[in-house]
Amino acid sequence: MLADPIADAPVPEPDVPRAVPFLARYDDTVSAQPAEREDPLDPQRILDQLPVDERGFFLDQYRDAVENARDPAGWKQLRRVLLRWRFHADAVGDPAYREALDAARGPVGSGMLLEDAVRVYRPVS
């Protein structure tokens, strides 16, 4: 590299390929995507995604966690509450969630009592 006496910046040699044109500014080479992304633990975002009948329960837990977070020892609990509700809000937004919930709460298929299963499946000793 040769030194530019005016700018005291290195000048690239003529035969060296460059990935970015030498005169390009940094602003010209960055993505057009925003630098800031939405916080997944944003309480308002979580609240907006929850069903109406669950919002009160979320707010109760959130307010308790915020109050406890005034003490530094409670900060992790606030993050846990927000993370847990974030996962829940994502789950209830999936159409298959309600179907799976209804199936789990629905009638159970045929089965047998534990005592009968033990009698039938007990290994012979």
C-alpha atoms as a PDB file:
ATOM      1  CA  MET A   1       0.000   0.000   0.000  1.00  0.00           C
ATOM      2  CA  LEU A   2       1.149   3.500  -0.764  1.00  0.00           C
ATOM      3  CA  ALA A   3       0.466   6.278   1.696  1.00  0.00           C
ATOM      4  CA  ASP A   4      -1.570   9.311   0.670  1.00  0.00           C
ATOM      5  CA  PRO A   5       0.384  12.280   2.034  1.00  0.00           C
ATOM      6  CA  ILE A   6      -2.697  14.529   2.140  1.00  0.00           C
ATOM      7  CA  ALA A   7      -5.231  12.358   3.957  1.00  0.00           C
ATOM      8  CA  ASP A   8      -2.708  10.083   5.647  1.00  0.00           C
ATOM      9  CA  ALA A   9      -4.967   7.223   4.565  1.00  0.00           C
ATOM     10  CA  PRO A  10      -3.751   4.142   2.702  1.00  0.00           C
ATOM     11  CA  VAL A  11      -4.273   4.176  -1.039  1.00  0.00           C
ATOM     12  CA  PRO A  12      -4.980   0.773  -2.583  1.00  0.00           C
ATOM     13  CA  GLU A  13      -2.537  -0.542  -5.145  1.00  0.00           C
ATOM     14  CA  PRO A  14      -3.933  -0.601  -8.694  1.00  0.00           C
ATOM     15  CA  ASP A  15      -3.837  -4.414  -9.178  1.00  0.00           C
ATOM     16  CA  VAL A  16      -5.591  -5.285  -5.901  1.00  0.00           C
ATOM     17  CA  PRO A  17      -9.289  -6.161  -6.403  1.00  0.00           C
ATOM     18  CA  ARG A  18     -11.697  -4.438  -4.038  1.00  0.00           C
ATOM     19  CA  ALA A  19     -14.992  -5.800  -2.742  1.00  0.00           C
ATOM     20  CA  VAL A  20     -16.381  -2.288  -2.303  1.00  0.00           C
ATOM     21  CA  PRO A  21     -15.504   0.610  -4.587  1.00  0.00           C
ATOM     22  CA  PHE A  22     -12.762   2.676  -2.968  1.00  0.00           C
ATOM     23  CA  LEU A  23     -14.694   5.926  -3.056  1.00  0.00           C
ATOM     24  CA  ALA A  24     -17.913   4.401  -1.698  1.00  0.00           C
ATOM     25  CA  ARG A  25     -18.965   5.658   1.689  1.00  0.00           C
ATOM     26  CA  TYR A  26     -20.030   3.329   4.479  1.00  0.00           C
ATOM     27  CA  ASP A  27     -23.578   4.699   4.224  1.00  0.00           C
ATOM     28  CA  ASP A  28     -23.743   3.495   0.625  1.00  0.00           C
ATOM     29  CA  THR A  29     -22.847  -0.092   1.534  1.00  0.00           C
ATOM     30  CA  VAL A  30     -25.209  -0.848   4.417  1.00  0.00           C
ATOM     31  CA  SER A  31     -28.568  -2.545   4.205  1.00  0.00           C
ATOM     32  CA  ALA A  32     -31.809  -0.603   4.030  1.00  0.00           C
ATOM     33  CA  GLN A  33     -33.193  -2.663   6.931  1.00  0.00           C
ATOM     34  CA  PRO A  34     -33.932  -0.737  10.129  1.00  0.00           C
ATOM     35  CA  ALA A  35     -31.210  -0.948  12.759  1.00  0.00           C
ATOM     36  CA  GLU A  36     -33.715  -1.389  15.576  1.00  0.00           C
ATOM     37  CA  ARG A  37     -35.968  -4.414  15.732  1.00  0.00           C
ATOM     38  CA  GLU A  38     -39.098  -4.774  17.785  1.00  0.00           C
ATOM     39  CA  ASP A  39     -38.458  -6.100  21.262  1.00  0.00           C
ATOM     40  CA  PRO A  40     -40.129  -9.520  21.547  1.00  0.00           C
ATOM     41  CA  LEU A  41     -40.585  -8.918  25.282  1.00  0.00           C
ATOM     42  CA  ASP A  42     -42.429  -5.637  24.796  1.00  0.00           C
ATOM     43  CA  PRO A  43     -45.400  -5.878  27.202  1.00  0.00           C
ATOM     44  CA  GLN A  44     -47.695  -3.890  24.893  1.00  0.00           C
ATOM     45  CA  ARG A  45     -46.911  -6.191  21.972  1.00  0.00           C
ATOM     46  CA  ILE A  46     -47.620  -9.250  24.131  1.00  0.00           C
ATOM     47  CA  LEU A  47     -50.869  -7.718  25.396  1.00  0.00           C
ATOM     48  CA  ASP A  48     -52.037  -6.938  21.863  1.00  0.00           C
ATOM     49  CA  GLN A  49     -51.510 -10.548  20.766  1.00  0.00           C
ATOM     50  CA  LEU A  50     -53.314 -12.159  23.689  1.00  0.00           C
ATOM     51  CA  PRO A  51     -56.994 -13.107  23.539  1.00  0.00           C
ATOM     52  CA  VAL A  52     -59.188 -10.579  25.351  1.00  0.00           C
ATOM     53  CA  ASP A  53     -60.133 -13.032  28.103  1.00  0.00           C
ATOM     54  CA  GLU A  54     -56.446 -13.575  29.058  1.00  0.00           C
ATOM     55  CA  ARG A  55     -55.309  -9.945  29.123  1.00  0.00           C
ATOM     56  CA  GLY A  56     -56.370  -9.274  32.702  1.00  0.00           C
ATOM     57  CA  PHE A  57     -54.431 -12.259  33.994  1.00  0.00           C
ATOM     58  CA  PHE A  58     -51.338 -11.130  32.054  1.00  0.00           C
ATOM     59  CA  LEU A  59     -51.624  -7.591  33.428  1.00  0.00           C
ATOM     60  CA  ASP A  60     -51.920  -8.877  37.008  1.00  0.00           C
ATOM     61  CA  GLN A  61     -48.767 -10.984  36.662  1.00  0.00           C
ATOM     62  CA  TYR A  62     -46.942  -8.223  34.808  1.00  0.00           C
ATOM     63  CA  ARG A  63     -47.741  -5.573  37.434  1.00  0.00           C
ATOM     64  CA  ASP A  64     -46.625  -7.876  40.254  1.00  0.00           C
ATOM     65  CA  ALA A  65     -43.374  -8.617  38.420  1.00  0.00           C
ATOM     66  CA  VAL A  66     -42.761  -4.899  37.737  1.00  0.00           C
ATOM     67  CA  GLU A  67     -43.295  -4.090  41.399  1.00  0.00           C
ATOM     68  CA  ASN A  68     -40.856  -6.827  42.423  1.00  0.00           C
ATOM     69  CA  ALA A  69     -38.345  -5.663  39.789  1.00  0.00           C
ATOM     70  CA  ARG A  70     -37.867  -2.408  41.676  1.00  0.00           C
ATOM     71  CA  ASP A  71     -35.474  -4.521  43.723  1.00  0.00           C
ATOM     72  CA  PRO A  72     -32.602  -5.742  41.499  1.00  0.00           C
ATOM     73  CA  ALA A  73     -33.180  -9.300  42.697  1.00  0.00           C
ATOM     74  CA  GLY A  74     -36.623  -9.262  41.063  1.00  0.00           C
ATOM     75  CA  TRP A  75     -35.403  -8.232  37.607  1.00  0.00           C
ATOM     76  CA  LYS A  76     -34.927 -11.822  36.373  1.00  0.00           C
ATOM     77  CA  GLN A  77     -38.463 -12.704  37.434  1.00  0.00           C
ATOM     78  CA  LEU A  78     -39.863  -9.862  35.314  1.00  0.00           C
ATOM     79  CA  ARG A  79     -37.990 -11.193  32.283  1.00  0.00           C
ATOM     80  CA  ARG A  80     -39.252 -14.728  33.006  1.00  0.00           C
ATOM     81  CA  VAL A  81     -42.853 -13.513  33.224  1.00  0.00           C
ATOM     82  CA  LEU A  82     -42.535 -11.623  29.932  1.00  0.00           C
ATOM     83  CA  LEU A  83     -40.822 -14.552  28.216  1.00  0.00           C
ATOM     84  CA  ARG A  84     -43.447 -17.020  29.401  1.00  0.00           C
ATOM     85  CA  TRP A  85     -46.285 -14.766  28.181  1.00  0.00           C
ATOM     86  CA  ARG A  86     -44.439 -14.126  24.895  1.00  0.00           C
ATOM     87  CA  PHE A  87     -44.392 -17.879  24.220  1.00  0.00           C
ATOM     88  CA  HIS A  88     -48.032 -18.161  25.231  1.00  0.00           C
ATOM     89  CA  ALA A  89     -49.063 -15.254  22.983  1.00  0.00           C
ATOM     90  CA  ASP A  90     -47.264 -16.886  20.056  1.00  0.00           C
ATOM     91  CA  ALA A  91     -48.945 -20.224  20.769  1.00  0.00           C
ATOM     92  CA  VAL A  92     -52.497 -18.884  21.010  1.00  0.00           C
ATOM     93  CA  GLY A  93     -51.955 -17.070  17.712  1.00  0.00           C
ATOM     94  CA  ASP A  94     -51.475 -20.417  15.962  1.00  0.00           C
ATOM     95  CA  PRO A  95     -54.801 -21.795  14.658  1.00  0.00           C
ATOM     96  CA  ALA A  96     -53.737 -25.338  15.540  1.00  0.00           C
ATOM     97  CA  TYR A  97     -53.406 -24.320  19.200  1.00  0.00           C
ATOM     98  CA  ARG A  98     -57.168 -24.100  19.802  1.00  0.00           C
ATOM     99  CA  GLU A  99     -57.746 -27.392  18.021  1.00  0.00           C
ATOM    100  CA  ALA A 100     -55.111 -29.122  20.158  1.00  0.00           C
ATOM    101  CA  LEU A 101     -56.502 -27.517  23.315  1.00  0.00           C
ATOM    102  CA  ASP A 102     -60.053 -28.659  22.493  1.00  0.00           C
ATOM    103  CA  ALA A 103     -58.797 -32.161  21.723  1.00  0.00           C
ATOM    104  CA  ALA A 104     -56.900 -32.303  25.020  1.00  0.00           C
ATOM    105  CA  ARG A 105     -59.962 -31.139  26.967  1.00  0.00           C
ATOM    106  CA  GLY A 106     -62.325 -33.401  25.082  1.00  0.00           C
ATOM    107  CA  PRO A 107     -63.407 -36.895  25.963  1.00  0.00           C
ATOM    108  CA  VAL A 108     -60.732 -39.493  26.440  1.00  0.00           C
ATOM    109  CA  GLY A 109     -60.803 -42.571  24.254  1.00  0.00           C
ATOM    110  CA  SER A 110     -61.250 -46.045  25.574  1.00  0.00           C
ATOM    111  CA  GLY A 111     -58.690 -47.172  28.079  1.00  0.00           C
ATOM    112  CA  MET A 112     -58.301 -49.365  31.092  1.00  0.00           C
ATOM    113  CA  LEU A 113     -57.779 -48.945  34.783  1.00  0.00           C
ATOM    114  CA  LEU A 114     -54.223 -48.975  36.083  1.00  0.00           C
ATOM    115  CA  GLU A 115     -54.825 -52.126  38.085  1.00  0.00           C
ATOM    116  CA  ASP A 116     -56.028 -53.948  34.954  1.00  0.00           C
ATOM    117  CA  ALA A 117     -53.022 -52.710  32.952  1.00  0.00           C
ATOM    118  CA  VAL A 118     -50.621 -53.929  35.620  1.00  0.00           C
ATOM    119  CA  ARG A 119     -52.269 -57.317  35.619  1.00  0.00           C
ATOM    120  CA  VAL A 120     -52.182 -57.604  31.824  1.00  0.00           C
ATOM    121  CA  TYR A 121     -48.743 -56.149  31.156  1.00  0.00           C
ATOM    122  CA  ARG A 122     -46.845 -57.346  34.243  1.00  0.00           C
ATOM    123  CA  PRO A 123     -43.725 -59.170  33.116  1.00  0.00           C
ATOM    124  CA  VAL A 124     -43.583 -62.810  34.080  1.00  0.00           C
ATOM    125  CA  SER A 125     -40.922 -63.304  36.720  1.00  0.00           C
END
